[in-house]
Protein backbone atom coordinates (compact mmCIF):
# COMPACT_ATOMS: atom_id res chain seq x y z
CA MET A 1 28.29 30.85 0.38
CA GLY A 2 25.09 31.23 -1.47
CA ILE A 3 21.51 30.09 -1.08
CA LEU A 4 22.04 27.33 -3.51
CA GLU A 5 25.19 25.60 -1.87
CA LEU A 6 23.24 26.22 1.87
CA THR A 7 20.03 24.17 0.04
CA ILE A 8 22.37 21.56 -1.07
CA ILE A 9 24.11 20.87 2.15
CA LEU A 10 20.55 20.67 3.68
CA SER A 11 19.83 18.20 1.32
CA LEU A 12 22.92 16.14 1.84
CA ILE A 13 22.19 16.20 5.91
CA ILE A 14 18.47 14.95 5.04
CA TRP A 15 19.68 12.30 3.11
CA VAL A 16 22.14 11.24 5.65
CA LEU A 17 19.33 11.25 8.38
CA LEU A 18 16.94 9.38 6.25
CA ILE A 19 19.60 6.73 5.66
CA PHE A 20 20.85 6.12 9.27
CA PHE A 21 17.70 7.20 11.18
CA ARG A 22 14.51 6.35 9.54
CA GLY A 23 14.19 2.53 10.31
CA ASN A 24 16.41 1.36 7.34
CA PHE A 25 13.37 1.68 5.25
CA TRP A 26 15.50 2.21 1.95
CA LEU A 27 17.00 -1.33 2.44
CA ALA A 28 13.52 -2.97 1.22
CA ASP A 29 14.46 -6.21 3.84
CA GLN A 30 11.11 -7.09 5.03
CA MET A 31 10.57 -9.97 2.85
CA LEU A 32 7.82 -12.35 3.36
CA GLU A 33 10.09 -15.92 3.73
CA ALA A 34 8.82 -19.16 2.67
CA ASP A 35 8.91 -20.92 5.82
CA VAL A 36 5.99 -23.34 6.72
CA ILE A 37 6.06 -25.35 10.09
CA GLN A 38 3.40 -27.92 10.60
CA LEU A 39 0.54 -27.20 12.75
CA GLU A 40 -1.47 -29.82 14.77
CA THR A 41 -4.68 -27.85 13.86
CA TRP A 42 -4.39 -25.51 10.79
CA PRO A 43 -6.73 -22.07 11.41
CA SER A 44 -10.07 -21.52 9.49
CA ILE A 45 -9.77 -18.48 7.15
CA ALA A 46 -12.62 -16.13 5.88
CA VAL A 47 -11.92 -14.67 2.74
CA VAL A 48 -13.83 -11.14 2.18
CA ILE A 49 -13.18 -9.52 -1.06
CA PRO A 50 -14.84 -6.19 -1.78
CA ALA A 51 -15.52 -5.94 -5.59
CA ARG A 52 -16.64 -3.10 -7.23
CA ASN A 53 -16.23 -3.15 -11.30
CA GLU A 54 -13.93 -5.92 -11.26
CA GLU A 55 -14.91 -7.80 -14.04
CA LYS A 56 -11.77 -7.85 -16.20
CA TYR A 57 -9.66 -9.19 -12.80
CA ILE A 58 -11.97 -11.02 -10.30
CA SER A 59 -11.82 -14.69 -12.23
CA ALA A 60 -7.99 -14.42 -11.95
CA THR A 61 -8.46 -13.34 -8.27
CA LEU A 62 -10.72 -16.15 -7.01
CA GLN A 63 -9.08 -18.85 -8.98
CA SER A 64 -5.63 -18.25 -7.15
CA LEU A 65 -7.64 -18.29 -3.94
CA MET A 66 -9.45 -21.72 -4.99
CA ALA A 67 -5.85 -22.88 -5.80
CA GLN A 68 -4.36 -22.24 -2.52
CA LYS A 69 -2.61 -25.40 -0.86
CA TYR A 70 -3.87 -24.38 2.26
CA PRO A 71 -4.85 -27.47 4.68
CA GLY A 72 -7.35 -25.71 6.81
CA GLU A 73 -10.94 -24.44 5.92
CA ILE A 74 -11.30 -21.71 3.70
CA ASP A 75 -14.33 -19.81 2.88
CA ILE A 76 -14.82 -16.70 0.20
CA THR A 77 -17.45 -13.86 0.66
CA VAL A 78 -17.13 -11.59 -2.10
CA VAL A 79 -19.52 -8.65 -1.92
CA ASN A 80 -20.24 -7.18 -4.89
CA ASP A 81 -20.27 -3.06 -3.92
CA ASN A 82 -23.06 -1.70 -6.49
CA SER A 83 -20.93 -2.79 -9.89
CA THR A 84 -21.92 -1.21 -12.78
CA ASP A 85 -20.29 -3.67 -14.92
CA ASN A 86 -20.19 -7.23 -15.34
CA THR A 87 -18.55 -8.24 -11.89
CA VAL A 88 -21.10 -10.60 -10.58
CA GLU A 89 -21.53 -12.29 -13.88
CA ALA A 90 -17.50 -13.03 -13.93
CA ILE A 91 -18.21 -14.43 -10.48
CA THR A 92 -20.95 -16.56 -11.19
CA ARG A 93 -19.46 -18.03 -13.91
CA ILE A 94 -16.94 -19.86 -11.52
CA LYS A 95 -18.50 -22.57 -9.78
CA ASP A 96 -17.23 -23.61 -6.41
CA GLU A 97 -19.26 -23.88 -3.42
CA ARG A 98 -16.91 -22.36 -1.35
CA ILE A 99 -17.45 -18.79 -2.92
CA VAL A 100 -20.45 -16.59 -1.94
CA ILE A 101 -21.51 -13.73 -3.42
CA SER A 102 -23.00 -10.88 -1.41
CA ASN A 103 -24.41 -7.60 -2.91
CA ALA A 104 -23.91 -4.45 -0.72
CA SER A 105 -26.55 -2.19 0.61
CA ASP A 106 -26.53 1.19 -0.05
CA LEU A 107 -23.64 3.46 1.89
CA PRO A 108 -24.67 4.72 4.97
CA GLU A 109 -23.28 8.16 6.12
CA GLY A 110 -20.16 8.13 7.79
CA TRP A 111 -18.40 4.79 5.99
CA THR A 112 -16.43 4.80 3.21
CA GLY A 113 -17.42 2.41 0.46
CA LYS A 114 -14.32 -0.44 0.83
CA LEU A 115 -14.77 -0.52 4.67
CA TRP A 116 -18.65 -0.56 4.12
CA ALA A 117 -18.36 -3.68 1.80
CA LEU A 118 -15.87 -5.28 4.32
CA LYS A 119 -18.36 -4.70 6.98
CA GLN A 120 -20.92 -6.99 5.37
CA GLY A 121 -18.80 -9.50 4.27
CA ILE A 122 -17.74 -9.85 7.64
CA ASN A 123 -21.30 -9.98 9.07
CA LEU A 124 -22.31 -12.74 6.38
CA SER A 125 -18.91 -14.59 7.25
CA ILE A 126 -19.93 -14.63 11.18
CA LYS A 127 -23.72 -16.09 10.18
CA ASN A 128 -21.39 -19.19 8.25
CA ASN A 129 -18.47 -19.48 10.84
CA PRO A 130 -19.01 -17.34 14.15
CA SER A 131 -15.78 -18.89 15.23
CA VAL A 132 -13.73 -18.43 12.24
CA ASP A 133 -9.87 -17.98 13.13
CA PHE A 134 -8.75 -15.43 10.75
CA TYR A 135 -10.30 -13.09 8.28
CA LEU A 136 -8.22 -12.32 5.22
CA PHE A 137 -9.03 -9.26 3.72
CA THR A 138 -7.73 -8.71 -0.10
CA ASP A 139 -8.60 -7.00 -3.29
CA ALA A 140 -10.58 -8.09 -6.15
CA ASP A 141 -7.36 -7.71 -8.41
CA ILE A 142 -4.40 -9.54 -6.63
CA GLU A 143 -3.17 -12.95 -7.99
CA HIS A 144 -2.15 -15.28 -5.02
CA SER A 145 0.45 -17.65 -5.23
CA GLN A 146 -0.23 -21.34 -4.30
CA GLU A 147 1.60 -21.29 -0.92
CA THR A 148 1.10 -17.70 0.59
CA LEU A 149 -1.85 -18.27 2.84
CA LYS A 150 -0.03 -21.27 4.33
CA ILE A 151 3.19 -19.15 5.06
CA MET A 152 1.14 -15.95 6.48
CA VAL A 153 -0.67 -18.43 8.74
CA THR A 154 2.48 -20.04 9.87
CA LYS A 155 4.04 -16.82 10.41
CA ALA A 156 1.13 -15.53 12.08
CA GLU A 157 1.05 -18.70 14.28
CA ARG A 158 4.67 -19.05 15.07
CA GLU A 159 5.17 -15.40 16.06
CA ASN A 160 2.06 -14.77 17.77
CA LEU A 161 1.02 -12.08 15.22
CA GLN A 162 -2.55 -10.07 15.52
CA LEU A 163 -2.28 -9.07 11.94
CA VAL A 164 -0.01 -9.85 9.16
CA SER A 165 0.09 -7.78 5.79
CA LEU A 166 1.80 -7.39 2.60
CA MET A 167 2.71 -5.03 0.13
CA VAL A 168 1.88 -7.01 -3.34
CA LEU A 169 3.92 -6.79 -5.87
CA LEU A 170 2.48 -3.90 -8.25
CA ASN A 171 2.54 -3.98 -12.23
CA CYS A 172 5.62 -2.11 -13.40
CA ARG A 173 5.77 -3.01 -17.26
CA ASN A 174 4.75 0.40 -19.00
CA PHE A 175 6.38 3.29 -19.05
CA TRP A 176 4.43 5.31 -16.07
CA GLU A 177 4.56 2.24 -14.24
CA ILE A 178 8.22 1.95 -14.60
CA LEU A 179 8.88 5.70 -13.57
CA LEU A 180 5.83 5.77 -10.61
CA ILE A 181 5.42 2.40 -9.39
CA PRO A 182 8.62 1.77 -7.78
CA ALA A 183 8.62 5.41 -6.38
CA PHE A 184 5.28 4.83 -4.91
CA VAL A 185 6.48 1.79 -3.03
CA PHE A 186 9.82 3.48 -1.91
CA PHE A 187 7.56 6.85 -0.52
CA PHE A 188 5.26 4.43 1.16
CA GLN A 189 8.29 2.68 2.89
CA LYS A 190 9.73 5.83 3.71
CA LEU A 191 6.34 7.36 5.36
CA TYR A 192 5.95 3.90 7.15
CA PRO A 193 8.86 2.20 7.70
CA PHE A 194 8.45 -1.44 7.83
CA GLN A 195 11.31 -2.02 10.66
CA TRP A 196 9.14 0.33 12.65
CA ILE A 197 5.97 -1.14 12.29
CA ASN A 198 7.38 -4.93 12.86
CA ASN A 199 9.16 -3.64 16.13
CA PRO A 200 6.75 -3.63 19.15
CA LYS A 201 8.67 -1.56 21.09
CA ARG A 202 7.10 1.22 18.55
CA SER A 203 4.10 2.78 17.99
CA THR A 204 4.66 3.21 14.12
CA ALA A 205 1.53 1.18 12.52
CA GLY A 206 0.37 0.10 9.29
CA ALA A 207 -0.94 -2.08 6.63
CA ALA A 208 -1.34 -2.71 3.08
CA GLY A 209 -4.75 -3.07 1.75
CA GLY A 210 -4.15 -5.84 -0.74
CA TYR A 211 -3.26 -8.46 1.67
CA ILE A 212 -4.39 -8.37 5.29
CA LEU A 213 -4.80 -11.50 7.37
CA VAL A 214 -6.18 -10.51 10.79
CA ARG A 215 -7.20 -12.63 13.79
CA ARG A 216 -11.10 -12.15 14.60
CA THR A 217 -10.43 -12.13 18.32
CA ALA A 218 -8.00 -9.28 17.68
CA LEU A 219 -10.63 -7.36 15.30
CA GLU A 220 -13.67 -7.60 17.82
CA ALA A 221 -11.21 -6.42 20.87
CA ALA A 222 -10.26 -3.64 18.66
CA GLY A 223 -14.00 -2.61 18.03
CA GLY A 224 -14.49 -4.15 14.55
CA ILE A 225 -14.20 -2.42 11.02
CA ASP A 226 -16.83 -0.15 12.58
CA ALA A 227 -13.89 1.67 14.61
CA VAL A 228 -12.14 2.73 11.18
CA ARG A 229 -15.56 3.00 9.16
CA GLY A 230 -14.87 6.29 7.82
CA GLU A 231 -10.87 6.08 7.19
CA ILE A 232 -10.01 6.73 3.95
CA ILE A 233 -6.78 5.09 4.34
CA ASP A 234 -8.35 2.36 5.53
CA ASP A 235 -5.39 -0.30 5.26
CA CYS A 236 -3.09 1.89 7.79
CA ALA A 237 -6.31 2.65 9.82
CA ILE A 238 -6.76 -1.03 10.48
CA GLY A 239 -3.15 -1.41 11.23
CA ARG A 240 -2.83 1.02 13.86
CA MET A 241 -6.27 -0.28 15.52
CA ILE A 242 -4.85 -4.19 15.86
CA LYS A 243 -1.08 -2.76 17.24
CA LYS A 244 -3.14 -1.60 19.90
CA LYS A 245 -3.71 -4.83 20.71
CA GLY A 246 -0.69 -6.82 19.78
CA ILE A 247 2.20 -7.35 17.67
CA ILE A 248 1.59 -7.01 13.61
CA TRP A 249 3.92 -7.32 10.70
CA LEU A 250 4.04 -5.54 7.41
CA GLY A 251 6.28 -7.19 4.52
CA LEU A 252 7.24 -7.26 0.84
CA THR A 253 7.19 -10.04 -1.31
CA ARG A 254 7.39 -11.23 -5.33
CA ASN A 255 4.89 -13.71 -5.46
CA VAL A 256 1.38 -12.16 -4.62
CA LYS A 257 0.76 -9.73 -7.57
CA SER A 258 -1.56 -6.97 -8.31
CA LEU A 259 -3.30 -7.66 -11.61
CA ARG A 260 -4.22 -4.06 -12.66
CA SER A 261 -2.10 -2.02 -14.71
CA TYR A 262 -2.06 1.59 -15.11
CA THR A 263 -1.11 2.57 -18.36
CA ARG A 264 -1.79 6.41 -18.42
CA LEU A 265 -0.48 9.17 -16.24
CA SER A 266 -3.79 10.29 -15.36
CA GLU A 267 -4.63 6.58 -13.60
CA ILE A 268 -1.78 6.81 -11.05
CA TRP A 269 -2.62 10.35 -10.76
CA GLY A 270 -6.23 9.79 -9.79
CA MET A 271 -5.24 6.88 -7.26
CA VAL A 272 -2.72 9.17 -5.31
CA ILE A 273 -4.96 12.47 -5.11
CA ARG A 274 -7.72 10.33 -3.77
CA THR A 275 -5.86 9.69 -0.39
CA ALA A 276 -2.70 12.24 -0.62
CA PHE A 277 -4.21 15.66 1.01
CA ASN A 278 -6.10 13.37 3.60
CA GLN A 279 -2.36 11.85 4.68
CA LEU A 280 -1.53 15.34 5.67
CA ASN A 281 -4.29 15.70 7.56
CA TYR A 282 -5.84 18.44 5.68
CA SER A 283 -3.11 20.64 6.89
CA VAL A 284 -1.93 23.90 5.01
CA SER A 285 1.24 24.03 7.31
CA VAL A 286 2.14 20.20 6.79
CA LEU A 287 1.10 20.51 2.85
CA LEU A 288 3.65 23.68 2.56
CA VAL A 289 6.67 21.65 4.72
CA THR A 290 6.12 18.55 2.84
CA THR A 291 6.40 20.51 -0.67
CA ILE A 292 9.30 22.33 0.40
CA GLY A 293 11.09 18.89 1.84
CA MET A 294 10.24 17.16 -1.50
CA ILE A 295 12.24 20.12 -3.30
CA ILE A 296 14.85 20.19 -1.01
CA ILE A 297 15.46 16.25 -0.75
CA TYR A 298 14.67 15.31 -4.17
CA LEU A 299 15.06 18.05 -6.82
CA VAL A 300 18.02 20.40 -5.68
CA PRO A 301 20.39 17.66 -6.15
CA PRO A 302 19.65 17.24 -9.72
CA PHE A 303 19.22 21.26 -9.99
CA ALA A 304 22.76 22.07 -8.52
CA VAL A 305 24.24 19.16 -11.02
CA VAL A 306 22.99 21.19 -14.14
CA TRP A 307 23.94 24.62 -12.28
CA GLY A 308 27.58 23.45 -11.69
CA LEU A 309 27.71 22.29 -15.30
CA VAL A 310 26.22 25.50 -16.89
CA PHE A 311 27.88 28.09 -14.23
CA ASN A 312 31.27 25.88 -14.02
CA ASP A 313 30.28 25.87 -10.02
CA ASP A 314 32.23 22.87 -9.37
CA PHE A 315 31.25 23.07 -5.49
CA SER A 316 27.57 22.89 -6.12
CA LEU A 317 28.27 20.42 -9.04
CA TRP A 318 29.97 17.81 -6.85
CA LEU A 319 27.68 18.19 -4.03
CA GLY A 320 24.88 17.63 -6.21
CA VAL A 321 26.37 14.62 -7.73
CA LEU A 322 26.96 13.25 -4.28
CA CYS A 323 23.38 13.86 -3.01
CA TRP A 324 22.24 12.21 -6.22
CA VAL A 325 24.32 9.22 -5.82
CA ILE A 326 23.10 8.69 -2.34
CA MET A 327 19.50 8.88 -3.37
CA ALA A 328 19.62 6.54 -6.41
CA ILE A 329 21.74 4.11 -4.05
CA ALA A 330 18.72 4.26 -1.31
CA TYR A 331 16.23 3.53 -4.37
CA LEU A 332 18.17 0.71 -5.68
CA PRO A 333 16.84 -1.84 -3.47
CA THR A 334 13.30 -1.02 -4.23
CA GLN A 335 14.19 -0.98 -8.07
CA ARG A 336 15.75 -4.56 -7.12
CA LEU A 337 12.34 -5.74 -6.03
CA TYR A 338 11.12 -4.71 -9.24
CA GLN A 339 13.66 -6.11 -11.39
CA ARG A 340 14.46 -2.80 -12.78
CA PRO A 341 18.13 -1.77 -14.42
CA VAL A 342 20.44 0.49 -12.01
CA TRP A 343 20.04 3.51 -14.18
CA GLU A 344 16.63 3.98 -13.43
CA ALA A 345 17.55 4.93 -9.83
CA LEU A 346 18.45 7.81 -11.19
CA LEU A 347 14.81 8.90 -12.31
CA LEU A 348 13.82 9.34 -8.54
CA PRO A 349 13.57 12.99 -8.55
CA ILE A 350 11.29 13.15 -11.85
CA ALA A 351 9.20 10.99 -10.20
CA ALA A 352 9.26 12.82 -6.72
CA PHE A 353 8.32 16.08 -8.77
CA LEU A 354 5.22 14.42 -10.00
CA TYR A 355 4.14 12.94 -6.97
CA SER A 356 4.81 16.70 -5.64
CA LEU A 357 2.08 17.85 -8.06
CA MET A 358 -0.41 14.94 -7.11
CA VAL A 359 -0.39 16.04 -3.51
CA ILE A 360 -0.69 19.77 -4.50
CA ASP A 361 -3.63 18.81 -6.84
CA SER A 362 -5.32 16.69 -3.83
CA ALA A 363 -5.37 19.75 -1.58
CA GLN A 364 -6.72 21.96 -4.49
CA ARG A 365 -9.53 19.46 -5.24
CA TYR A 366 -10.23 19.30 -1.46
CA TRP A 367 -10.31 23.27 -1.15
CA THR A 368 -12.49 23.81 -4.32
CA LYS A 369 -14.74 20.55 -3.15
CA ARG A 370 -13.96 18.76 -6.54
CA HIS A 371 -13.72 15.47 -4.86
CA PRO A 372 -11.76 12.99 -7.24
CA SER A 373 -13.25 9.67 -7.93
CA TRP A 374 -11.84 5.99 -7.89
CA LYS A 375 -14.00 3.34 -9.42
CA GLU A 376 -16.69 5.63 -10.41
CA ARG A 377 -17.27 6.79 -6.87
CA LYS A 378 -16.64 10.22 -5.54
CA TYR A 379 -14.54 10.22 -2.46
CA PRO A 380 -14.38 13.38 -0.06
CA GLN A 381 -10.98 13.03 0.36
């Protein structure tokens, strides 16, 4: 038996392990359900939005927050994180007494930009309402459905959750989004299986930065935002920090949507390389294992199919087909979340190849000190 045959058998074994022993990540079944109970008292909410160069989206985000059908008190603090566009003007055009604008001070050493903006928004919120019940950390490019906040608070109160978070529905309209965005969500679920995150008996923790609802008391008990001030992958760091204090929940939704579109490959590439090597703890050995793993898991099956067709190698052909079909079936629930046709699930190997190149690029930029930028700010990774 040759190297190709052994490798494709290894790929099949890995897929079986992923399907049955990785927290059912591929089912994409941790969905936020529209289940609301009437509470005697509705908790107060302080919304904190870091905004850096978001003039294109911030108005729609704020309008959707002000349209929330939430019976309790809501205050909204937008922290202008040194924007160089017309973000502030876009905010001030919205006349609502619930919205407060704060200009972020210069970024201190040891802090990342978003977390420093959150810190200042929290400080301002505490001055206005020191006993607020929940903070909602959300991005400036998110469109919120009218019932979402009520549903999230209900879930947190009914299940005694310290943090509830949503992986918002990302844009999936143009070519690069169709190819790469569902795959991004698929890989995120594989890295952080939602069932494991939501299981208090497991240590796995995480969150999605577009929508994090956290109890003030839990955040303070965990040391506040200061405890994670230097984290590049800030959302998962917050999730890990809060899970040490109680139960958390991370889920999927179709009703809270990102407004940001990625029309070019370079835009998605820039988003990924900012954190990819950090995710691997800047380890050469982990990078090597990850790259080899991606090749075996995602690229070997289609290669085996082509090899089998060209060289009449039936064993490689049919084993490659089997692995590729299993891969596509595992990808289908995420594809359905994004309402994509079934046949597109076969494109996952192409997406995996591109994401592998992004991870390698992230590493080589770290080694050569060519730090990636995001929203016109350099990130040291």
